[in-house]
Amino acid sequence: MKKKLLAWISLSCLVLTALPAVAGEETLEKSELQVQMESQGWSQVGSNIFERQLGDGKVEHLGYGPEGLAWTIGELNRQLDRLLGEFELFPSLELAETIEGLSAAISKARGELSAQSRESGGMTAAPLALDGPSCDGVCYSATADAYHLTTQQGVGATAMAKFNNPCGYVGETYAYVYVRATAGTTQTEITRQDPPPPTPKTGTAITSSVSATVAGGSGALPCFSTAASFVQSSQLGFSYSTSDTNDGYCPPLPPPPTCSIIGTNYEYFALNNCRTRTWTANTSGGTYQWRVNGSLAGTASTFSRSICAGTGDFTVSLTVTAANGLSCTSSLYVAVVYEPEPMCGQYLC
C-alpha cells in the first residue's frame, strides 16, 4: 500500500508519523491534520499551510508538500528584502555574507520545490523500507527571538533549527541573526548565520544555531534586531520556518535598586560576654548577599551575628541584585568597645 506522511505536533518537537493513505487519495488528510493543528494554536492560512503567532513580531509557519515549501520560500524572500533594505542603509561585509547565505537557501529550496512538484501527488515518497514503528520518531524544531537587553541598553537575537531522526531521512536547517544599535556616535552591527554559504546544512541529525548582542540605544538611530530559522525535508514533504523582529528605540533601563542597612553600628561591653545582633536590608525584592569584612555570611533579607567583647571592629556589607541584573551595595562599620570594670581592692571598689 502506498504510504504518505501526516504531521503531528508535540510541545517539544514536531513528530512525523507514516500512515496509510485512503484508496485513490493523493493529498494529506487535511481534516484530521487541521483539527490537530488548531488544538495547538495554529490557524490554516492556505492549502497545507498553517501559521501561529507567538508574540509581537514573532510568527511561525508549517507547511506540507509544494504549497508549504512555496510559502516558506515566500517568507524567506520577505526576510531577504528586509536584509537588503538594511544593507542599503548600513552596508557591511558580514551582512553581505548573510544575504548571500539566505539567497543560497532560497535557491536550494526552489530546487527542492521543482523536484517535489514533479512527484506524483506533489509529495516525495518516503522509502517504504523506512516506514514502520521504529521510524516514527522524526523530530524537528525552529526557534527565533529578537529582544531588548535587560542589563544594559541594546538588543540581541538568537535563532536555532534542528532536525533529527533515527531512520535515515534527510533534512536541511538554516538560521541567522542581525543586530544593530548606536552608542553615542558609534554604530555597531553584528550578523551571524549557520551554516555559512553556499548551502544549508543537510543530514539526518543536524543543528543550526546562532546568537548575537550589541550595546547601544543613544543617538539618532534606533535599535534593531531580527532572527530567523527554518528546517525542511523534501523526503518527508514538510517545511517549517519562524522569525522575529525587534524594531524601535531601545527603552531606557530602570534605575538600579537602592539599599541601606538597618542595625547597630556601635556595641559597648563592660563585661567579657557576648550578644547577638541582627541587621536588616532596607529594600525589598531581588537577591541578597551579606558579607563581614569581605567574607560571605548570609543570603536572606536579614543577617544575625554574635558579637563578643573581644570581637573587635568589623564591617557589614550588603549587595542587593534586582531581577534585571542591576545591583546596589551598602556598608556599615560596626565599632566594638570593651572597657572592663575595675577590680575591687582594699582601697577601690
Protein backbone atom coordinates (compact mmCIF):
# COMPACT_ATOMS: atom_id res chain seq x y z
CA MET A 1 0.00 0.00 0.00
CA LYS A 2 1.32 3.42 -0.90
CA LYS A 3 2.44 5.49 2.12
CA LYS A 4 2.15 9.22 2.78
CA LEU A 5 3.16 11.38 5.72
CA LEU A 6 0.81 13.03 8.19
CA ALA A 7 2.40 15.53 10.58
CA TRP A 8 1.53 15.69 14.25
CA ILE A 9 2.75 18.40 16.60
CA SER A 10 4.09 17.91 20.13
CA LEU A 11 5.28 20.53 22.63
CA SER A 12 8.95 19.61 22.42
CA CYS A 13 9.30 18.79 18.75
CA LEU A 14 7.33 18.05 15.61
CA VAL A 15 6.83 14.32 15.21
CA LEU A 16 6.03 12.82 11.81
CA THR A 17 4.23 9.50 11.65
CA ALA A 18 3.74 7.49 8.47
CA LEU A 19 0.11 6.48 7.93
CA PRO A 20 -1.54 4.53 5.10
CA ALA A 21 -3.42 6.55 2.51
CA VAL A 22 -7.08 6.16 1.70
CA ALA A 23 -7.54 4.45 -1.68
CA GLY A 24 -7.39 6.97 -4.50
CA GLU A 25 -6.24 9.81 -2.18
CA GLU A 26 -3.27 11.83 -3.37
CA THR A 27 -3.08 14.62 -0.75
CA LEU A 28 -2.74 14.86 3.02
CA GLU A 29 -5.83 14.06 5.08
CA LYS A 30 -6.43 17.71 5.92
CA SER A 31 -9.43 17.29 8.21
CA GLU A 32 -7.54 15.32 10.86
CA LEU A 33 -4.45 17.44 10.40
CA GLN A 34 -6.37 20.70 10.74
CA VAL A 35 -8.10 19.59 13.96
CA GLN A 36 -4.76 18.58 15.48
CA MET A 37 -3.07 21.82 14.44
CA GLU A 38 -5.88 24.11 15.61
CA SER A 39 -5.86 22.40 19.02
CA GLN A 40 -2.31 23.73 19.47
CA GLY A 41 -2.98 27.30 18.37
CA TRP A 42 -2.31 27.06 14.64
CA SER A 43 -4.61 28.58 12.04
CA GLN A 44 -4.81 27.49 8.41
CA VAL A 45 -3.78 30.31 6.06
CA GLY A 46 -3.65 28.33 2.82
CA SER A 47 -3.74 24.87 1.34
CA ASN A 48 -1.48 22.72 3.55
CA ILE A 49 -0.14 25.89 5.24
CA PHE A 50 -0.52 26.78 8.93
CA GLU A 51 0.52 29.85 10.91
CA ARG A 52 0.90 30.54 14.64
CA GLN A 53 1.52 33.93 16.28
CA LEU A 54 3.97 33.76 19.19
CA GLY A 55 4.05 37.43 20.19
CA ASP A 56 4.85 40.90 18.83
CA GLY A 57 6.64 40.43 15.53
CA LYS A 58 7.13 36.69 16.05
CA VAL A 59 5.38 34.15 13.86
CA GLU A 60 5.94 30.56 12.73
CA HIS A 61 4.77 28.68 9.64
CA LEU A 62 4.39 24.99 8.99
CA GLY A 63 3.56 23.68 5.54
CA TYR A 64 3.32 20.40 3.66
CA GLY A 65 4.13 19.49 0.09
CA PRO A 66 4.81 22.01 -2.67
CA GLU A 67 2.29 24.50 -1.22
CA GLY A 68 4.07 24.58 2.12
CA LEU A 69 7.53 24.86 0.61
CA ALA A 70 6.35 27.63 -1.74
CA TRP A 71 5.05 29.54 1.28
CA THR A 72 8.38 29.08 3.08
CA ILE A 73 10.22 30.38 0.03
CA GLY A 74 7.97 33.44 0.05
CA GLU A 75 8.70 34.01 3.74
CA LEU A 76 12.45 33.68 3.13
CA ASN A 77 12.16 36.21 0.29
CA ARG A 78 10.42 38.66 2.63
CA GLN A 79 13.30 38.27 5.07
CA LEU A 80 15.76 38.76 2.22
CA ASP A 81 14.04 42.02 1.22
CA ARG A 82 14.34 43.23 4.82
CA LEU A 83 18.07 42.47 4.92
CA LEU A 84 18.59 44.13 1.50
CA GLY A 85 16.89 47.25 2.85
CA GLU A 86 19.23 47.21 5.84
CA PHE A 87 22.22 46.75 3.55
CA GLU A 88 21.29 49.84 1.53
CA LEU A 89 21.31 51.93 4.72
CA PHE A 90 24.07 50.17 6.65
CA PRO A 91 26.31 48.13 4.31
CA SER A 92 28.80 45.71 5.84
CA LEU A 93 30.72 42.62 4.78
CA GLU A 94 29.02 40.45 7.41
CA LEU A 95 25.55 41.49 6.27
CA ALA A 96 26.52 40.88 2.63
CA GLU A 97 27.63 37.35 3.56
CA THR A 98 24.33 36.70 5.35
CA ILE A 99 22.39 37.94 2.33
CA GLU A 100 24.46 35.54 0.24
CA GLY A 101 23.68 32.66 2.62
CA LEU A 102 19.95 33.40 2.71
CA SER A 103 19.89 33.71 -1.10
CA ALA A 104 21.58 30.31 -1.36
CA ALA A 105 19.00 28.80 1.00
CA ILE A 106 16.19 30.23 -1.16
CA SER A 107 17.81 28.90 -4.32
CA LYS A 108 18.19 25.44 -2.78
CA ALA A 109 14.55 25.48 -1.63
CA ARG A 110 13.39 26.44 -5.13
CA GLY A 111 15.24 23.45 -6.50
CA GLU A 112 13.56 21.22 -3.94
CA LEU A 113 10.18 22.73 -4.87
CA SER A 114 10.72 21.86 -8.53
CA ALA A 115 11.61 18.29 -7.55
CA GLN A 116 8.53 17.96 -5.29
CA SER A 117 6.23 19.30 -7.99
CA ARG A 118 7.38 16.58 -10.38
CA GLU A 119 6.42 13.83 -7.91
CA SER A 120 3.06 12.11 -8.14
CA GLY A 121 0.61 13.85 -5.84
CA GLY A 122 3.07 16.65 -5.22
CA MET A 123 4.87 14.78 -2.42
CA THR A 124 8.20 13.00 -2.43
CA ALA A 125 7.51 9.42 -1.41
CA ALA A 126 9.35 8.23 1.70
CA PRO A 127 11.19 4.94 1.16
CA LEU A 128 8.86 2.14 2.19
CA ALA A 129 11.76 0.30 3.83
CA LEU A 130 11.99 3.13 6.36
CA ASP A 131 8.31 3.06 7.32
CA GLY A 132 7.12 1.33 10.46
CA PRO A 133 7.14 1.75 14.26
CA SER A 134 10.93 2.08 14.50
CA CYS A 135 10.86 5.12 12.21
CA ASP A 136 8.12 7.17 13.84
CA GLY A 137 10.47 9.41 15.81
CA VAL A 138 11.30 12.15 13.31
CA CYS A 139 11.72 15.40 15.26
CA TYR A 140 12.35 18.93 14.10
CA SER A 141 12.07 22.41 15.58
CA ALA A 142 12.91 26.03 14.82
CA THR A 143 13.11 28.99 17.21
CA ALA A 144 13.84 32.70 16.75
CA ASP A 145 13.92 35.53 19.28
CA ALA A 146 14.77 39.23 18.83
CA TYR A 147 14.75 41.28 22.03
CA HIS A 148 15.96 44.28 24.05
CA LEU A 149 18.73 43.68 26.57
CA THR A 150 17.76 43.95 30.23
CA THR A 151 21.08 44.67 31.99
CA GLN A 152 22.15 47.43 29.60
CA GLN A 153 20.70 49.34 26.70
CA GLY A 154 20.95 47.37 23.49
CA VAL A 155 19.45 44.48 21.54
CA GLY A 156 20.05 40.80 20.97
CA ALA A 157 18.82 37.96 18.81
CA THR A 158 19.06 34.18 18.80
CA ALA A 159 17.93 31.51 16.32
CA MET A 160 18.12 27.73 16.17
CA ALA A 161 16.88 24.99 13.82
CA LYS A 162 17.11 21.25 14.46
CA PHE A 163 16.37 18.08 12.53
CA ASN A 164 16.92 14.62 13.94
CA ASN A 165 15.68 11.09 13.23
CA PRO A 166 16.93 7.51 13.62
CA CYS A 167 15.71 6.33 10.23
CA GLY A 168 17.87 7.88 7.53
CA TYR A 169 15.52 10.64 6.36
CA VAL A 170 17.45 13.74 5.25
CA GLY A 171 16.56 17.29 6.29
CA GLU A 172 18.02 20.80 5.99
CA THR A 173 18.50 23.57 8.58
CA TYR A 174 19.50 27.23 8.40
CA ALA A 175 19.50 30.10 10.95
CA TYR A 176 20.69 33.71 11.03
CA VAL A 177 20.58 36.81 13.29
CA TYR A 178 21.23 40.50 12.67
CA VAL A 179 21.55 43.16 15.42
CA ARG A 180 22.23 46.90 15.22
CA ALA A 181 22.48 49.65 17.85
CA THR A 182 24.14 53.05 18.33
CA ALA A 183 26.09 54.09 21.44
CA GLY A 184 26.89 57.81 21.31
CA THR A 185 28.18 58.35 17.78
CA THR A 186 29.32 54.74 17.26
CA GLN A 187 27.02 52.33 15.46
CA THR A 188 27.64 48.60 15.78
CA GLU A 189 26.18 45.85 13.61
CA ILE A 190 26.62 42.11 14.08
CA THR A 191 25.40 39.48 11.62
CA ARG A 192 25.77 35.73 12.07
CA GLN A 193 24.49 32.68 10.21
CA ASP A 194 24.79 28.92 10.48
CA PRO A 195 25.91 27.46 8.20
CA PRO A 196 27.85 29.98 6.11
CA PRO A 197 27.14 29.99 2.37
CA PRO A 198 26.79 28.39 -0.08
CA THR A 199 24.14 25.89 1.17
CA PRO A 200 22.10 25.00 4.27
CA LYS A 201 23.16 22.12 6.49
CA THR A 202 21.98 18.75 5.23
CA GLY A 203 21.83 15.48 7.13
CA THR A 204 19.89 13.13 9.38
CA ALA A 205 20.93 14.78 12.69
CA ILE A 206 21.79 18.47 12.30
CA THR A 207 21.51 21.76 14.20
CA SER A 208 21.97 25.38 13.08
CA SER A 209 22.40 27.80 15.99
CA VAL A 210 23.45 31.49 16.19
CA SER A 211 23.15 34.40 18.62
CA ALA A 212 24.43 37.97 18.96
CA THR A 213 24.04 41.03 21.22
CA VAL A 214 25.13 44.64 20.83
CA ALA A 215 25.02 47.51 23.35
CA GLY A 216 23.59 50.89 22.44
CA GLY A 217 20.47 52.97 22.45
CA SER A 218 21.62 56.58 22.25
CA GLY A 219 21.96 58.69 19.12
CA ALA A 220 19.63 59.34 16.24
CA LEU A 221 19.35 55.73 15.02
CA PRO A 222 17.02 53.25 16.69
CA CYS A 223 17.96 49.75 17.81
CA PHE A 224 17.05 46.86 15.54
CA SER A 225 17.37 43.10 15.69
CA THR A 226 15.95 40.23 13.70
CA ALA A 227 16.25 36.45 13.83
CA ALA A 228 15.00 33.64 11.61
CA SER A 229 15.40 29.91 11.16
CA PHE A 230 13.91 27.17 9.04
CA VAL A 231 14.03 23.42 8.66
CA GLN A 232 12.65 21.33 5.81
CA SER A 233 12.79 17.83 4.42
CA SER A 234 11.81 17.02 0.87
CA GLN A 235 11.80 13.31 1.69
CA LEU A 236 9.17 13.94 4.37
CA GLY A 237 7.42 16.72 2.47
CA PHE A 238 7.34 19.43 5.16
CA SER A 239 8.85 22.88 5.69
CA TYR A 240 8.87 24.84 8.95
CA SER A 241 10.06 28.42 9.48
CA THR A 242 9.92 31.03 12.21
CA SER A 243 11.13 34.63 12.55
CA ASP A 244 11.09 37.53 14.99
CA THR A 245 11.82 41.25 14.57
CA ASN A 246 12.51 43.87 17.24
CA ASP A 247 12.46 47.44 15.94
CA GLY A 248 12.36 50.88 17.59
CA TYR A 249 14.33 52.87 20.14
CA CYS A 250 15.89 50.90 22.97
CA PRO A 251 13.97 51.73 26.15
CA PRO A 252 16.00 53.27 28.99
CA LEU A 253 16.98 50.82 31.66
CA PRO A 254 15.18 51.04 35.01
CA PRO A 255 17.27 52.62 37.76
CA PRO A 256 19.29 50.26 39.93
CA PRO A 257 17.82 49.36 43.31
CA THR A 258 18.70 51.43 46.35
CA CYS A 259 19.63 49.74 49.58
CA SER A 260 20.74 50.55 53.09
CA ILE A 261 21.32 48.61 56.31
CA ILE A 262 19.23 48.98 59.45
CA GLY A 263 21.02 47.85 62.62
CA THR A 264 23.61 48.65 65.25
CA ASN A 265 26.92 50.30 64.39
CA TYR A 266 28.25 50.51 67.98
CA GLU A 267 28.48 47.91 70.73
CA TYR A 268 29.87 48.60 74.22
CA PHE A 269 30.99 45.87 76.62
CA ALA A 270 31.85 46.27 80.29
CA LEU A 271 31.90 42.52 80.88
CA ASN A 272 33.61 39.82 78.84
CA ASN A 273 30.45 38.35 77.37
CA CYS A 274 28.61 38.03 74.01
CA ARG A 275 25.32 39.14 72.49
CA THR A 276 23.53 38.53 69.16
CA ARG A 277 22.63 41.43 66.90
CA THR A 278 20.55 41.48 63.66
CA TRP A 279 20.88 43.75 60.63
CA THR A 280 18.03 44.22 58.10
CA ALA A 281 18.09 45.19 54.43
CA ASN A 282 16.15 48.41 53.91
CA THR A 283 14.88 47.29 50.48
CA SER A 284 12.70 44.53 49.07
CA GLY A 285 12.93 42.08 46.19
CA GLY A 286 15.91 40.59 44.43
CA THR A 287 18.69 38.52 45.93
CA TYR A 288 20.80 39.39 48.97
CA GLN A 289 24.45 38.88 49.88
CA TRP A 290 25.73 39.82 53.34
CA ARG A 291 29.47 39.97 53.93
CA VAL A 292 31.56 40.52 57.06
CA ASN A 293 34.97 42.01 56.32
CA GLY A 294 34.53 40.79 52.73
CA SER A 295 33.57 37.17 53.52
CA LEU A 296 30.11 35.90 52.55
CA ALA A 297 27.98 35.50 55.68
CA GLY A 298 24.30 35.34 54.61
CA THR A 299 21.78 35.43 51.74
CA ALA A 300 18.49 36.35 53.45
CA SER A 301 16.90 39.78 53.84
CA THR A 302 18.24 39.87 57.43
CA PHE A 303 21.58 38.86 58.92
CA SER A 304 22.41 37.95 62.52
CA ARG A 305 25.82 37.64 64.18
CA SER A 306 27.16 37.03 67.64
CA ILE A 307 29.35 39.88 68.91
CA CYS A 308 31.66 39.35 71.88
CA ALA A 309 33.75 41.72 73.96
CA GLY A 310 36.88 40.67 72.16
CA THR A 311 35.44 40.59 68.63
CA GLY A 312 36.93 43.87 67.54
CA ASP A 313 35.60 46.31 64.94
CA PHE A 314 34.20 44.91 61.68
CA THR A 315 32.33 45.97 58.52
CA VAL A 316 28.97 44.57 57.44
CA SER A 317 28.20 44.99 53.72
CA LEU A 318 25.04 44.20 51.77
CA THR A 319 24.61 43.71 48.00
CA VAL A 320 21.09 43.51 46.55
CA THR A 321 20.65 42.35 42.92
CA ALA A 322 17.33 43.07 41.18
CA ALA A 323 15.65 40.76 38.66
CA ASN A 324 17.09 42.78 35.73
CA GLY A 325 20.65 42.19 36.98
CA LEU A 326 21.25 45.71 38.34
CA SER A 327 22.54 45.89 41.90
CA CYS A 328 23.34 48.19 44.81
CA THR A 329 25.78 47.86 47.72
CA SER A 330 25.71 49.38 51.20
CA SER A 331 28.22 49.06 54.04
CA LEU A 332 28.08 49.67 57.78
CA TYR A 333 31.13 49.98 60.05
CA VAL A 334 30.48 48.45 63.47
CA ALA A 335 32.68 49.63 66.34
CA VAL A 336 33.09 47.19 69.26
CA VAL A 337 34.40 48.74 72.51
CA TYR A 338 35.41 46.66 75.55
CA GLU A 339 36.15 48.56 78.78
CA PRO A 340 36.21 46.07 81.69
CA GLU A 341 35.11 47.41 85.11
CA PRO A 342 37.94 47.92 87.63
CA MET A 343 38.66 45.16 90.18
CA CYS A 344 37.58 45.81 93.81
CA GLY A 345 40.54 46.07 96.20
CA GLN A 346 41.35 47.33 99.69
CA TYR A 347 41.04 50.98 98.72
CA LEU A 348 38.97 50.76 95.49
CA CYS A 349 35.68 49.14 94.77
